[in-house]
Amino acid sequence: MMYTKEIENFIKIINEVVELKKKKAKDYGSSWRMFGLDGIYVQIGSKFFRLWNLRNTNPKNEPIRDTLRDLVVYCIMAIQLIDENKTEAEIDKFVKGLKPSNKK
């Protein structure tokens, strides 16, 4: 079919994104869940504005391609939270579990 090469390239990029997520998971664990969807939206917004600022430059520290891959990862993590139906109460419970108890 005519689009076979396009799909192969798409799969190649998806595999790169999976490897990136594995590396980030190794470094950061599940900390991305801490602030729920709002936290993910902040990360997506930050990456978008970085991309917007870089669009007319040739960045050395973070190529535009890397920023776009990060955006893909954040978008997938947002979908994960939506699919898991994470409520604010569940997120609060998760965050409380990370804090040391003040009870004596």
C-alpha atoms as a PDB file:
ATOM      1  CA  MET A   1       0.000   0.000   0.000  1.00  0.00           C
ATOM      2  CA  MET A   2       0.997   3.575  -0.529  1.00  0.00           C
ATOM      3  CA  TYR A   3       1.093   4.536   3.154  1.00  0.00           C
ATOM      4  CA  THR A   4       3.157   1.551   4.342  1.00  0.00           C
ATOM      5  CA  LYS A   5       6.371   3.606   4.687  1.00  0.00           C
ATOM      6  CA  GLU A   6       4.448   6.321   6.512  1.00  0.00           C
ATOM      7  CA  ILE A   7       3.113   3.797   9.044  1.00  0.00           C
ATOM      8  CA  GLU A   8       6.562   2.242   9.450  1.00  0.00           C
ATOM      9  CA  ASN A   9       8.012   5.673  10.223  1.00  0.00           C
ATOM     10  CA  PHE A  10       5.165   6.387  12.626  1.00  0.00           C
ATOM     11  CA  ILE A  11       5.837   3.123  14.482  1.00  0.00           C
ATOM     12  CA  LYS A  12       9.558   3.949  14.623  1.00  0.00           C
ATOM     13  CA  ILE A  13       8.781   7.271  16.315  1.00  0.00           C
ATOM     14  CA  ILE A  14       6.299   5.633  18.713  1.00  0.00           C
ATOM     15  CA  ASN A  15       9.026   3.161  19.688  1.00  0.00           C
ATOM     16  CA  GLU A  16      11.385   6.088  20.380  1.00  0.00           C
ATOM     17  CA  VAL A  17       8.720   7.629  22.603  1.00  0.00           C
ATOM     18  CA  VAL A  18       8.305   4.335  24.495  1.00  0.00           C
ATOM     19  CA  GLU A  19      12.068   4.203  25.117  1.00  0.00           C
ATOM     20  CA  LEU A  20      12.035   7.830  26.289  1.00  0.00           C
ATOM     21  CA  LYS A  21       9.192   7.059  28.706  1.00  0.00           C
ATOM     22  CA  LYS A  22      11.102   4.057  30.069  1.00  0.00           C
ATOM     23  CA  LYS A  23      14.157   6.243  30.757  1.00  0.00           C
ATOM     24  CA  LYS A  24      12.069   8.932  32.427  1.00  0.00           C
ATOM     25  CA  ALA A  25      10.172   6.337  34.496  1.00  0.00           C
ATOM     26  CA  LYS A  26      13.492   4.982  35.706  1.00  0.00           C
ATOM     27  CA  ASP A  27      14.578   8.484  36.801  1.00  0.00           C
ATOM     28  CA  TYR A  28      11.288   9.873  38.123  1.00  0.00           C
ATOM     29  CA  GLY A  29       9.075   6.902  38.948  1.00  0.00           C
ATOM     30  CA  SER A  30       5.417   7.776  39.411  1.00  0.00           C
ATOM     31  CA  SER A  31       5.993  11.344  40.582  1.00  0.00           C
ATOM     32  CA  TRP A  32       4.137  12.600  37.498  1.00  0.00           C
ATOM     33  CA  ARG A  33       0.909  11.346  39.075  1.00  0.00           C
ATOM     34  CA  MET A  34       1.288  13.586  42.108  1.00  0.00           C
ATOM     35  CA  PHE A  35      -0.603  16.596  40.742  1.00  0.00           C
ATOM     36  CA  GLY A  36      -3.016  14.702  38.519  1.00  0.00           C
ATOM     37  CA  LEU A  37      -4.271  16.037  35.222  1.00  0.00           C
ATOM     38  CA  ASP A  38      -3.663  19.642  36.222  1.00  0.00           C
ATOM     39  CA  GLY A  39       0.005  18.842  36.748  1.00  0.00           C
ATOM     40  CA  ILE A  40       0.210  17.167  33.353  1.00  0.00           C
ATOM     41  CA  TYR A  41      -1.555  20.138  31.734  1.00  0.00           C
ATOM     42  CA  VAL A  42       1.062  22.454  33.259  1.00  0.00           C
ATOM     43  CA  GLN A  43       3.846  20.287  31.815  1.00  0.00           C
ATOM     44  CA  ILE A  44       2.160  20.245  28.396  1.00  0.00           C
ATOM     45  CA  GLY A  45       1.742  24.028  28.547  1.00  0.00           C
ATOM     46  CA  SER A  46       5.374  24.517  29.508  1.00  0.00           C
ATOM     47  CA  LYS A  47       6.580  22.307  26.653  1.00  0.00           C
ATOM     48  CA  PHE A  48       4.221  24.048  24.212  1.00  0.00           C
ATOM     49  CA  PHE A  49       5.560  27.496  25.118  1.00  0.00           C
ATOM     50  CA  ARG A  50       9.127  26.213  24.865  1.00  0.00           C
ATOM     51  CA  LEU A  51       8.294  24.872  21.411  1.00  0.00           C
ATOM     52  CA  TRP A  52       6.669  28.163  20.456  1.00  0.00           C
ATOM     53  CA  ASN A  53       9.754  30.106  21.535  1.00  0.00           C
ATOM     54  CA  LEU A  54      12.108  27.730  19.712  1.00  0.00           C
ATOM     55  CA  ARG A  55      10.182  27.627  16.432  1.00  0.00           C
ATOM     56  CA  ASN A  56      12.316  30.281  14.740  1.00  0.00           C
ATOM     57  CA  THR A  57      15.650  29.280  16.230  1.00  0.00           C
ATOM     58  CA  ASN A  58      18.083  26.406  15.990  1.00  0.00           C
ATOM     59  CA  PRO A  59      18.282  25.364  19.658  1.00  0.00           C
ATOM     60  CA  LYS A  60      21.396  23.559  20.832  1.00  0.00           C
ATOM     61  CA  ASN A  61      20.299  22.335  24.292  1.00  0.00           C
ATOM     62  CA  GLU A  62      16.945  20.807  23.384  1.00  0.00           C
ATOM     63  CA  PRO A  63      16.153  20.231  19.742  1.00  0.00           C
ATOM     64  CA  ILE A  64      12.549  20.835  18.708  1.00  0.00           C
ATOM     65  CA  ARG A  65      12.202  17.118  17.947  1.00  0.00           C
ATOM     66  CA  ASP A  66      12.978  16.305  21.615  1.00  0.00           C
ATOM     67  CA  THR A  67      10.397  18.822  22.821  1.00  0.00           C
ATOM     68  CA  LEU A  68       7.788  17.244  20.559  1.00  0.00           C
ATOM     69  CA  ARG A  69       8.605  13.763  21.881  1.00  0.00           C
ATOM     70  CA  ASP A  70       8.226  15.072  25.444  1.00  0.00           C
ATOM     71  CA  LEU A  71       4.825  16.463  24.485  1.00  0.00           C
ATOM     72  CA  VAL A  72       3.774  13.045  23.186  1.00  0.00           C
ATOM     73  CA  VAL A  73       4.807  11.439  26.485  1.00  0.00           C
ATOM     74  CA  TYR A  74       2.866  13.997  28.539  1.00  0.00           C
ATOM     75  CA  CYS A  75      -0.220  13.597  26.335  1.00  0.00           C
ATOM     76  CA  ILE A  76      -0.141   9.824  26.759  1.00  0.00           C
ATOM     77  CA  MET A  77       0.272  10.169  30.534  1.00  0.00           C
ATOM     78  CA  ALA A  78      -2.784  12.463  30.593  1.00  0.00           C
ATOM     79  CA  ILE A  79      -4.754   9.826  28.686  1.00  0.00           C
ATOM     80  CA  GLN A  80      -3.569   7.227  31.216  1.00  0.00           C
ATOM     81  CA  LEU A  81      -4.970   9.290  34.085  1.00  0.00           C
ATOM     82  CA  ILE A  82      -8.241   9.826  32.232  1.00  0.00           C
ATOM     83  CA  ASP A  83      -8.511   6.110  31.442  1.00  0.00           C
ATOM     84  CA  GLU A  84      -7.759   5.249  35.069  1.00  0.00           C
ATOM     85  CA  ASN A  85     -10.493   7.687  36.092  1.00  0.00           C
ATOM     86  CA  LYS A  86      -8.244   9.321  38.647  1.00  0.00           C
ATOM     87  CA  THR A  87     -10.296  11.610  40.844  1.00  0.00           C
ATOM     88  CA  GLU A  88      -8.956  14.482  42.877  1.00  0.00           C
ATOM     89  CA  ALA A  89      -9.673  12.466  46.057  1.00  0.00           C
ATOM     90  CA  GLU A  90      -7.485   9.610  44.799  1.00  0.00           C
ATOM     91  CA  ILE A  91      -4.709  12.051  43.938  1.00  0.00           C
ATOM     92  CA  ASP A  92      -4.971  13.666  47.402  1.00  0.00           C
ATOM     93  CA  LYS A  93      -4.697  10.204  48.967  1.00  0.00           C
ATOM     94  CA  PHE A  94      -1.592   9.480  46.854  1.00  0.00           C
ATOM     95  CA  VAL A  95       0.041  12.775  47.877  1.00  0.00           C
ATOM     96  CA  LYS A  96      -0.758  12.203  51.577  1.00  0.00           C
ATOM     97  CA  GLY A  97       0.945   8.820  51.310  1.00  0.00           C
ATOM     98  CA  LEU A  98       4.132  10.583  50.223  1.00  0.00           C
ATOM     99  CA  LYS A  99       4.217  12.991  53.174  1.00  0.00           C
ATOM    100  CA  PRO A 100       5.652  11.925  56.531  1.00  0.00           C
ATOM    101  CA  SER A 101       3.015  11.696  59.233  1.00  0.00           C
ATOM    102  CA  ASN A 102       2.933  14.483  61.837  1.00  0.00           C
ATOM    103  CA  LYS A 103       1.211  12.232  64.369  1.00  0.00           C
ATOM    104  CA  LYS A 104       3.144  11.297  67.502  1.00  0.00           C
END
